[in-house]
Amino acid sequence: MLATGLAACLEPADFRDLMEGLALPWCVAQQLDASPAAVFTDGADSLPDGPVAELIRTFGARTDITLEAFGWELVTTPDGPDFRPQR
């Protein structure tokens, strides 16, 4: 999530695309019984103040995030779980 935020600070993109990518670490944090809000706030605090950091804080505080809603699916591979775009 931090790398995604840093990249967005350097090369601004459509915030919808940024949120699509942020759904993965949000869901992983939740699966690891970590608070997505806390994880995302910590990450946002490491970014320069501005719209990207604020988006990450706001996104982390959401409670309606699912992989499916953001176009992802969890799959099992020979190497273990992975994510891929929905087909």
PDB file of N, CA and C in Angstrom:
ATOM      1  N   MET A   1       0.815  -1.171   0.000  1.00  0.00           N
ATOM      2  CA  MET A   1       0.000   0.000   0.000  1.00  0.00           C
ATOM      3  C   MET A   1       0.867   1.245   0.000  1.00  0.00           C
ATOM      4  N   LEU A   2       1.940   1.237   0.754  1.00  0.00           N
ATOM      5  CA  LEU A   2       2.834   2.390   0.789  1.00  0.00           C
ATOM      6  C   LEU A   2       3.467   2.620  -0.587  1.00  0.00           C
ATOM      7  N   ALA A   3       3.914   1.560  -1.227  1.00  0.00           N
ATOM      8  CA  ALA A   3       4.509   1.701  -2.566  1.00  0.00           C
ATOM      9  C   ALA A   3       3.484   2.234  -3.561  1.00  0.00           C
ATOM     10  N   THR A   4       2.260   1.775  -3.465  1.00  0.00           N
ATOM     11  CA  THR A   4       1.200   2.267  -4.343  1.00  0.00           C
ATOM     12  C   THR A   4       0.977   3.752  -4.111  1.00  0.00           C
ATOM     13  N   GLY A   5       0.957   4.156  -2.844  1.00  0.00           N
ATOM     14  CA  GLY A   5       0.785   5.567  -2.517  1.00  0.00           C
ATOM     15  C   GLY A   5       1.934   6.425  -3.005  1.00  0.00           C
ATOM     16  N   LEU A   6       3.151   5.945  -2.830  1.00  0.00           N
ATOM     17  CA  LEU A   6       4.313   6.696  -3.306  1.00  0.00           C
ATOM     18  C   LEU A   6       4.274   6.858  -4.821  1.00  0.00           C
ATOM     19  N   ALA A   7       3.932   5.791  -5.513  1.00  0.00           N
ATOM     20  CA  ALA A   7       3.847   5.860  -6.969  1.00  0.00           C
ATOM     21  C   ALA A   7       2.787   6.872  -7.396  1.00  0.00           C
ATOM     22  N   ALA A   8       1.665   6.903  -6.698  1.00  0.00           N
ATOM     23  CA  ALA A   8       0.592   7.839  -7.037  1.00  0.00           C
ATOM     24  C   ALA A   8       1.006   9.280  -6.756  1.00  0.00           C
ATOM     25  N   CYS A   9       1.863   9.483  -5.762  1.00  0.00           N
ATOM     26  CA  CYS A   9       2.368  10.838  -5.490  1.00  0.00           C
ATOM     27  C   CYS A   9       3.279  11.312  -6.614  1.00  0.00           C
ATOM     28  N   LEU A  10       4.061  10.383  -7.171  1.00  0.00           N
ATOM     29  CA  LEU A  10       5.009  10.742  -8.216  1.00  0.00           C
ATOM     30  C   LEU A  10       4.365  10.847  -9.587  1.00  0.00           C
ATOM     31  N   GLU A  11       3.408   9.994  -9.830  1.00  0.00           N
ATOM     32  CA  GLU A  11       2.754   9.944 -11.128  1.00  0.00           C
ATOM     33  C   GLU A  11       1.253   9.844 -10.910  1.00  0.00           C
ATOM     34  N   PRO A  12       0.598  10.992 -10.742  1.00  0.00           N
ATOM     35  CA  PRO A  12      -0.837  10.975 -10.422  1.00  0.00           C
ATOM     36  C   PRO A  12      -1.642  10.161 -11.425  1.00  0.00           C
ATOM     37  N   ALA A  13      -2.571   9.403 -10.893  1.00  0.00           N
ATOM     38  CA  ALA A  13      -3.452   8.577 -11.710  1.00  0.00           C
ATOM     39  C   ALA A  13      -4.887   8.863 -11.282  1.00  0.00           C
ATOM     40  N   ASP A  14      -5.802   8.303 -12.001  1.00  0.00           N
ATOM     41  CA  ASP A  14      -7.208   8.391 -11.633  1.00  0.00           C
ATOM     42  C   ASP A  14      -7.377   7.725 -10.271  1.00  0.00           C
ATOM     43  N   PHE A  15      -8.005   8.408  -9.332  1.00  0.00           N
ATOM     44  CA  PHE A  15      -8.147   7.860  -7.987  1.00  0.00           C
ATOM     45  C   PHE A  15      -8.955   6.568  -7.978  1.00  0.00           C
ATOM     46  N   ARG A  16      -9.804   6.353  -8.972  1.00  0.00           N
ATOM     47  CA  ARG A  16     -10.545   5.083  -9.044  1.00  0.00           C
ATOM     48  C   ARG A  16      -9.576   3.931  -9.288  1.00  0.00           C
ATOM     49  N   ASP A  17      -8.569   4.161 -10.134  1.00  0.00           N
ATOM     50  CA  ASP A  17      -7.564   3.125 -10.370  1.00  0.00           C
ATOM     51  C   ASP A  17      -6.755   2.876  -9.104  1.00  0.00           C
ATOM     52  N   LEU A  18      -6.430   3.929  -8.387  1.00  0.00           N
ATOM     53  CA  LEU A  18      -5.688   3.791  -7.135  1.00  0.00           C
ATOM     54  C   LEU A  18      -6.490   2.971  -6.129  1.00  0.00           C
ATOM     55  N   MET A  19      -7.774   3.240  -6.012  1.00  0.00           N
ATOM     56  CA  MET A  19      -8.607   2.494  -5.063  1.00  0.00           C
ATOM     57  C   MET A  19      -8.716   1.020  -5.450  1.00  0.00           C
ATOM     58  N   GLU A  20      -8.735   0.744  -6.738  1.00  0.00           N
ATOM     59  CA  GLU A  20      -8.779  -0.653  -7.192  1.00  0.00           C
ATOM     60  C   GLU A  20      -7.566  -1.417  -6.662  1.00  0.00           C
ATOM     61  N   GLY A  21      -6.400  -0.797  -6.730  1.00  0.00           N
ATOM     62  CA  GLY A  21      -5.190  -1.430  -6.213  1.00  0.00           C
ATOM     63  C   GLY A  21      -5.150  -1.487  -4.696  1.00  0.00           C
ATOM     64  N   LEU A  22      -5.732  -0.508  -4.034  1.00  0.00           N
ATOM     65  CA  LEU A  22      -5.728  -0.482  -2.562  1.00  0.00           C
ATOM     66  C   LEU A  22      -6.651  -1.524  -1.954  1.00  0.00           C
ATOM     67  N   ALA A  23      -7.591  -2.034  -2.733  1.00  0.00           N
ATOM     68  CA  ALA A  23      -8.498  -3.051  -2.212  1.00  0.00           C
ATOM     69  C   ALA A  23      -7.742  -4.307  -1.781  1.00  0.00           C
ATOM     70  N   LEU A  24      -6.664  -4.631  -2.482  1.00  0.00           N
ATOM     71  CA  LEU A  24      -5.903  -5.842  -2.132  1.00  0.00           C
ATOM     72  C   LEU A  24      -5.275  -5.747  -0.742  1.00  0.00           C
ATOM     73  N   PRO A  25      -4.468  -4.720  -0.442  1.00  0.00           N
ATOM     74  CA  PRO A  25      -3.903  -4.663   0.908  1.00  0.00           C
ATOM     75  C   PRO A  25      -4.970  -4.450   1.983  1.00  0.00           C
ATOM     76  N   TRP A  26      -6.084  -3.809   1.648  1.00  0.00           N
ATOM     77  CA  TRP A  26      -7.169  -3.635   2.617  1.00  0.00           C
ATOM     78  C   TRP A  26      -7.710  -5.007   3.021  1.00  0.00           C
ATOM     79  N   CYS A  27      -7.999  -5.856   2.016  1.00  0.00           N
ATOM     80  CA  CYS A  27      -8.541  -7.192   2.298  1.00  0.00           C
ATOM     81  C   CYS A  27      -7.523  -8.080   3.002  1.00  0.00           C
ATOM     82  N   VAL A  28      -6.258  -7.970   2.639  1.00  0.00           N
ATOM     83  CA  VAL A  28      -5.216  -8.761   3.303  1.00  0.00           C
ATOM     84  C   VAL A  28      -5.098  -8.349   4.767  1.00  0.00           C
ATOM     85  N   ALA A  29      -5.102  -7.050   5.034  1.00  0.00           N
ATOM     86  CA  ALA A  29      -5.037  -6.590   6.427  1.00  0.00           C
ATOM     87  C   ALA A  29      -6.193  -7.173   7.230  1.00  0.00           C
ATOM     88  N   GLN A  30      -7.376  -7.141   6.653  1.00  0.00           N
ATOM     89  CA  GLN A  30      -8.550  -7.677   7.347  1.00  0.00           C
ATOM     90  C   GLN A  30      -8.400  -9.181   7.577  1.00  0.00           C
ATOM     91  N   GLN A  31      -7.900  -9.917   6.585  1.00  0.00           N
ATOM     92  CA  GLN A  31      -7.718 -11.364   6.734  1.00  0.00           C
ATOM     93  C   GLN A  31      -6.679 -11.700   7.794  1.00  0.00           C
ATOM     94  N   LEU A  32      -5.734 -10.797   8.011  1.00  0.00           N
ATOM     95  CA  LEU A  32      -4.699 -11.002   9.030  1.00  0.00           C
ATOM     96  C   LEU A  32      -5.135 -10.478  10.396  1.00  0.00           C
ATOM     97  N   ASP A  33      -6.413 -10.134  10.516  1.00  0.00           N
ATOM     98  CA  ASP A  33      -6.977  -9.581  11.751  1.00  0.00           C
ATOM     99  C   ASP A  33      -6.307  -8.285  12.184  1.00  0.00           C
ATOM    100  N   ALA A  34      -5.795  -7.547  11.222  1.00  0.00           N
ATOM    101  CA  ALA A  34      -5.272  -6.202  11.488  1.00  0.00           C
ATOM    102  C   ALA A  34      -6.372  -5.213  11.113  1.00  0.00           C
ATOM    103  N   SER A  35      -6.356  -4.074  11.709  1.00  0.00           N
ATOM    104  CA  SER A  35      -7.323  -3.034  11.379  1.00  0.00           C
ATOM    105  C   SER A  35      -6.877  -2.341  10.097  1.00  0.00           C
ATOM    106  N   PRO A  36      -7.646  -2.488   9.002  1.00  0.00           N
ATOM    107  CA  PRO A  36      -7.269  -1.768   7.786  1.00  0.00           C
ATOM    108  C   PRO A  36      -7.130  -0.263   8.032  1.00  0.00           C
ATOM    109  N   ALA A  37      -7.995   0.299   8.860  1.00  0.00           N
ATOM    110  CA  ALA A  37      -7.913   1.739   9.133  1.00  0.00           C
ATOM    111  C   ALA A  37      -6.575   2.090   9.750  1.00  0.00           C
ATOM    112  N   ALA A  38      -6.105   1.291  10.706  1.00  0.00           N
ATOM    113  CA  ALA A  38      -4.824   1.573  11.354  1.00  0.00           C
ATOM    114  C   ALA A  38      -3.658   1.363  10.389  1.00  0.00           C
ATOM    115  N   VAL A  39      -3.706   0.292   9.630  1.00  0.00           N
ATOM    116  CA  VAL A  39      -2.632   0.003   8.669  1.00  0.00           C
ATOM    117  C   VAL A  39      -2.540   1.115   7.629  1.00  0.00           C
ATOM    118  N   PHE A  40      -3.683   1.532   7.110  1.00  0.00           N
ATOM    119  CA  PHE A  40      -3.688   2.562   6.078  1.00  0.00           C
ATOM    120  C   PHE A  40      -3.310   3.926   6.648  1.00  0.00           C
ATOM    121  N   THR A  41      -3.707   4.212   7.874  1.00  0.00           N
ATOM    122  CA  THR A  41      -3.307   5.475   8.487  1.00  0.00           C
ATOM    123  C   THR A  41      -1.800   5.510   8.668  1.00  0.00           C
ATOM    124  N   ASP A  42      -1.221   4.411   9.136  1.00  0.00           N
ATOM    125  CA  ASP A  42       0.240   4.349   9.278  1.00  0.00           C
ATOM    126  C   ASP A  42       0.928   4.574   7.935  1.00  0.00           C
ATOM    127  N   GLY A  43       0.416   3.939   6.885  1.00  0.00           N
ATOM    128  CA  GLY A  43       0.996   4.127   5.561  1.00  0.00           C
ATOM    129  C   GLY A  43       0.844   5.551   5.070  1.00  0.00           C
ATOM    130  N   ALA A  44      -0.331   6.130   5.265  1.00  0.00           N
ATOM    131  CA  ALA A  44      -0.580   7.503   4.811  1.00  0.00           C
ATOM    132  C   ALA A  44       0.300   8.493   5.553  1.00  0.00           C
ATOM    133  N   ASP A  45       0.589   8.201   6.819  1.00  0.00           N
ATOM    134  CA  ASP A  45       1.460   9.089   7.602  1.00  0.00           C
ATOM    135  C   ASP A  45       2.892   9.112   7.070  1.00  0.00           C
ATOM    136  N   SER A  46       3.256   8.107   6.275  1.00  0.00           N
ATOM    137  CA  SER A  46       4.599   8.054   5.688  1.00  0.00           C
ATOM    138  C   SER A  46       4.673   8.768   4.342  1.00  0.00           C
ATOM    139  N   LEU A  47       3.535   9.230   3.852  1.00  0.00           N
ATOM    140  CA  LEU A  47       3.476   9.914   2.557  1.00  0.00           C
ATOM    141  C   LEU A  47       3.463  11.421   2.760  1.00  0.00           C
ATOM    142  N   PRO A  48       3.828  12.163   1.720  1.00  0.00           N
ATOM    143  CA  PRO A  48       3.699  13.619   1.808  1.00  0.00           C
ATOM    144  C   PRO A  48       2.231  13.995   2.018  1.00  0.00           C
ATOM    145  N   ASP A  49       1.986  15.043   2.789  1.00  0.00           N
ATOM    146  CA  ASP A  49       0.618  15.522   2.952  1.00  0.00           C
ATOM    147  C   ASP A  49       0.048  15.870   1.589  1.00  0.00           C
ATOM    148  N   GLY A  50      -1.209  15.548   1.399  1.00  0.00           N
ATOM    149  CA  GLY A  50      -1.852  15.868   0.135  1.00  0.00           C
ATOM    150  C   GLY A  50      -2.985  14.920  -0.161  1.00  0.00           C
ATOM    151  N   PRO A  51      -3.495  14.985  -1.374  1.00  0.00           N
ATOM    152  CA  PRO A  51      -4.686  14.200  -1.714  1.00  0.00           C
ATOM    153  C   PRO A  51      -4.476  12.689  -1.697  1.00  0.00           C
ATOM    154  N   VAL A  52      -3.290  12.214  -2.024  1.00  0.00           N
ATOM    155  CA  VAL A  52      -3.059  10.769  -2.023  1.00  0.00           C
ATOM    156  C   VAL A  52      -3.079  10.239  -0.588  1.00  0.00           C
ATOM    157  N   ALA A  53      -2.383  10.901   0.306  1.00  0.00           N
ATOM    158  CA  ALA A  53      -2.379  10.475   1.706  1.00  0.00           C
ATOM    159  C   ALA A  53      -3.795  10.508   2.273  1.00  0.00           C
ATOM    160  N   GLU A  54      -4.543  11.539   1.953  1.00  0.00           N
ATOM    161  CA  GLU A  54      -5.918  11.645   2.461  1.00  0.00           C
ATOM    162  C   GLU A  54      -6.799  10.542   1.890  1.00  0.00           C
ATOM    163  N   LEU A  55      -6.638  10.233   0.601  1.00  0.00           N
ATOM    164  CA  LEU A  55      -7.413   9.146  -0.001  1.00  0.00           C
ATOM    165  C   LEU A  55      -7.102   7.825   0.691  1.00  0.00           C
ATOM    166  N   ILE A  56      -5.838   7.568   0.981  1.00  0.00           N
ATOM    167  CA  ILE A  56      -5.454   6.313   1.627  1.00  0.00           C
ATOM    168  C   ILE A  56      -6.054   6.231   3.027  1.00  0.00           C
ATOM    169  N   ARG A  57      -6.008   7.318   3.779  1.00  0.00           N
ATOM    170  CA  ARG A  57      -6.635   7.319   5.115  1.00  0.00           C
ATOM    171  C   ARG A  57      -8.137   7.039   5.016  1.00  0.00           C
ATOM    172  N   THR A  58      -8.777   7.723   4.098  1.00  0.00           N
ATOM    173  CA  THR A  58     -10.227   7.571   3.932  1.00  0.00           C
ATOM    174  C   THR A  58     -10.584   6.162   3.475  1.00  0.00           C
ATOM    175  N   PHE A  59      -9.814   5.645   2.522  1.00  0.00           N
ATOM    176  CA  PHE A  59     -10.076   4.298   2.007  1.00  0.00           C
ATOM    177  C   PHE A  59      -9.891   3.264   3.115  1.00  0.00           C
ATOM    178  N   GLY A  60      -8.849   3.422   3.907  1.00  0.00           N
ATOM    179  CA  GLY A  60      -8.594   2.479   4.992  1.00  0.00           C
ATOM    180  C   GLY A  60      -9.698   2.446   6.023  1.00  0.00           C
ATOM    181  N   ALA A  61     -10.389   3.560   6.212  1.00  0.00           N
ATOM    182  CA  ALA A  61     -11.463   3.637   7.203  1.00  0.00           C
ATOM    183  C   ALA A  61     -12.779   3.053   6.703  1.00  0.00           C
ATOM    184  N   ARG A  62     -12.850   2.745   5.423  1.00  0.00           N
ATOM    185  CA  ARG A  62     -14.099   2.190   4.881  1.00  0.00           C
ATOM    186  C   ARG A  62     -14.362   0.808   5.462  1.00  0.00           C
ATOM    187  N   THR A  63     -15.631   0.430   5.446  1.00  0.00           N
ATOM    188  CA  THR A  63     -16.016  -0.894   5.950  1.00  0.00           C
ATOM    189  C   THR A  63     -16.738  -1.715   4.887  1.00  0.00           C
ATOM    190  N   ASP A  64     -16.793  -1.196   3.674  1.00  0.00           N
ATOM    191  CA  ASP A  64     -17.547  -1.862   2.613  1.00  0.00           C
ATOM    192  C   ASP A  64     -16.657  -2.455   1.520  1.00  0.00           C
ATOM    193  N   ILE A  65     -15.400  -2.654   1.804  1.00  0.00           N
ATOM    194  CA  ILE A  65     -14.459  -3.135   0.783  1.00  0.00           C
ATOM    195  C   ILE A  65     -14.581  -4.655   0.639  1.00  0.00           C
ATOM    196  N   THR A  66     -14.725  -5.106  -0.592  1.00  0.00           N
ATOM    197  CA  THR A  66     -14.629  -6.531  -0.919  1.00  0.00           C
ATOM    198  C   THR A  66     -13.785  -6.651  -2.178  1.00  0.00           C
ATOM    199  N   LEU A  67     -13.162  -7.794  -2.343  1.00  0.00           N
ATOM    200  CA  LEU A  67     -12.387  -8.022  -3.563  1.00  0.00           C
ATOM    201  C   LEU A  67     -13.274  -7.884  -4.794  1.00  0.00           C
ATOM    202  N   GLU A  68     -14.446  -8.504  -4.727  1.00  0.00           N
ATOM    203  CA  GLU A  68     -15.349  -8.519  -5.870  1.00  0.00           C
ATOM    204  C   GLU A  68     -15.781  -7.119  -6.272  1.00  0.00           C
ATOM    205  N   ALA A  69     -16.050  -6.260  -5.290  1.00  0.00           N
ATOM    206  CA  ALA A  69     -16.507  -4.903  -5.593  1.00  0.00           C
ATOM    207  C   ALA A  69     -15.450  -4.097  -6.336  1.00  0.00           C
ATOM    208  N   PHE A  70     -14.171  -4.490  -6.195  1.00  0.00           N
ATOM    209  CA  PHE A  70     -13.095  -3.765  -6.845  1.00  0.00           C
ATOM    210  C   PHE A  70     -12.466  -4.566  -7.980  1.00  0.00           C
ATOM    211  N   GLY A  71     -13.156  -5.628  -8.416  1.00  0.00           N
ATOM    212  CA  GLY A  71     -12.742  -6.342  -9.616  1.00  0.00           C
ATOM    213  C   GLY A  71     -11.679  -7.408  -9.434  1.00  0.00           C
ATOM    214  N   TRP A  72     -11.528  -7.920  -8.209  1.00  0.00           N
ATOM    215  CA  TRP A  72     -10.510  -8.929  -7.919  1.00  0.00           C
ATOM    216  C   TRP A  72     -11.152 -10.229  -7.479  1.00  0.00           C
ATOM    217  N   GLU A  73     -10.380 -11.301  -7.591  1.00  0.00           N
ATOM    218  CA  GLU A  73     -10.789 -12.572  -7.008  1.00  0.00           C
ATOM    219  C   GLU A  73      -9.568 -13.260  -6.409  1.00  0.00           C
ATOM    220  N   LEU A  74      -9.812 -13.994  -5.346  1.00  0.00           N
ATOM    221  CA  LEU A  74      -8.777 -14.777  -4.677  1.00  0.00           C
ATOM    222  C   LEU A  74      -8.742 -16.149  -5.333  1.00  0.00           C
ATOM    223  N   VAL A  75      -7.558 -16.587  -5.733  1.00  0.00           N
ATOM    224  CA  VAL A  75      -7.404 -17.895  -6.380  1.00  0.00           C
ATOM    225  C   VAL A  75      -6.328 -18.689  -5.660  1.00  0.00           C
ATOM    226  N   THR A  76      -6.417 -19.987  -5.797  1.00  0.00           N
ATOM    227  CA  THR A  76      -5.398 -20.869  -5.246  1.00  0.00           C
ATOM    228  C   THR A  76      -4.481 -21.305  -6.371  1.00  0.00           C
ATOM    229  N   THR A  77      -3.184 -21.117  -6.169  1.00  0.00           N
ATOM    230  CA  THR A  77      -2.191 -21.513  -7.159  1.00  0.00           C
ATOM    231  C   THR A  77      -1.299 -22.582  -6.530  1.00  0.00           C
ATOM    232  N   PRO A  78      -0.463 -23.243  -7.324  1.00  0.00           N
ATOM    233  CA  PRO A  78       0.458 -24.218  -6.736  1.00  0.00           C
ATOM    234  C   PRO A  78       1.378 -23.599  -5.671  1.00  0.00           C
ATOM    235  N   ASP A  79       1.601 -22.283  -5.768  1.00  0.00           N
ATOM    236  CA  ASP A  79       2.451 -21.597  -4.791  1.00  0.00           C
ATOM    237  C   ASP A  79       1.661 -21.024  -3.629  1.00  0.00           C
ATOM    238  N   GLY A  80       0.352 -21.190  -3.625  1.00  0.00           N
ATOM    239  CA  GLY A  80      -0.478 -20.673  -2.553  1.00  0.00           C
ATOM    240  C   GLY A  80      -1.491 -19.673  -3.074  1.00  0.00           C
ATOM    241  N   PRO A  81      -2.125 -18.930  -2.163  1.00  0.00           N
ATOM    242  CA  PRO A  81      -3.162 -17.989  -2.597  1.00  0.00           C
ATOM    243  C   PRO A  81      -2.569 -16.814  -3.369  1.00  0.00           C
ATOM    244  N   ASP A  82      -3.374 -16.298  -4.296  1.00  0.00           N
ATOM    245  CA  ASP A  82      -2.973 -15.145  -5.092  1.00  0.00           C
ATOM    246  C   ASP A  82      -4.235 -14.413  -5.514  1.00  0.00           C
ATOM    247  N   PHE A  83      -4.077 -13.237  -6.070  1.00  0.00           N
ATOM    248  CA  PHE A  83      -5.198 -12.450  -6.553  1.00  0.00           C
ATOM    249  C   PHE A  83      -5.070 -12.291  -8.054  1.00  0.00           C
ATOM    250  N   ARG A  84      -6.230 -12.203  -8.705  1.00  0.00           N
ATOM    251  CA  ARG A  84      -6.236 -11.897 -10.138  1.00  0.00           C
ATOM    252  C   ARG A  84      -7.488 -11.075 -10.433  1.00  0.00           C
ATOM    253  N   PRO A  85      -7.432 -10.326 -11.525  1.00  0.00           N
ATOM    254  CA  PRO A  85      -8.628  -9.588 -11.912  1.00  0.00           C
ATOM    255  C   PRO A  85      -9.769 -10.556 -12.226  1.00  0.00           C
ATOM    256  N   GLN A  86     -10.981 -10.144 -11.908  1.00  0.00           N
ATOM    257  CA  GLN A  86     -12.125 -11.002 -12.225  1.00  0.00           C
ATOM    258  C   GLN A  86     -12.219 -11.186 -13.725  1.00  0.00           C
ATOM    259  N   ARG A  87     -12.671 -12.335 -14.093  1.00  0.00           N
ATOM    260  CA  ARG A  87     -12.832 -12.640 -15.525  1.00  0.00           C
ATOM    261  C   ARG A  87     -14.192 -12.231 -16.006  1.00  0.00           C
TER     262      ARG A  87
END
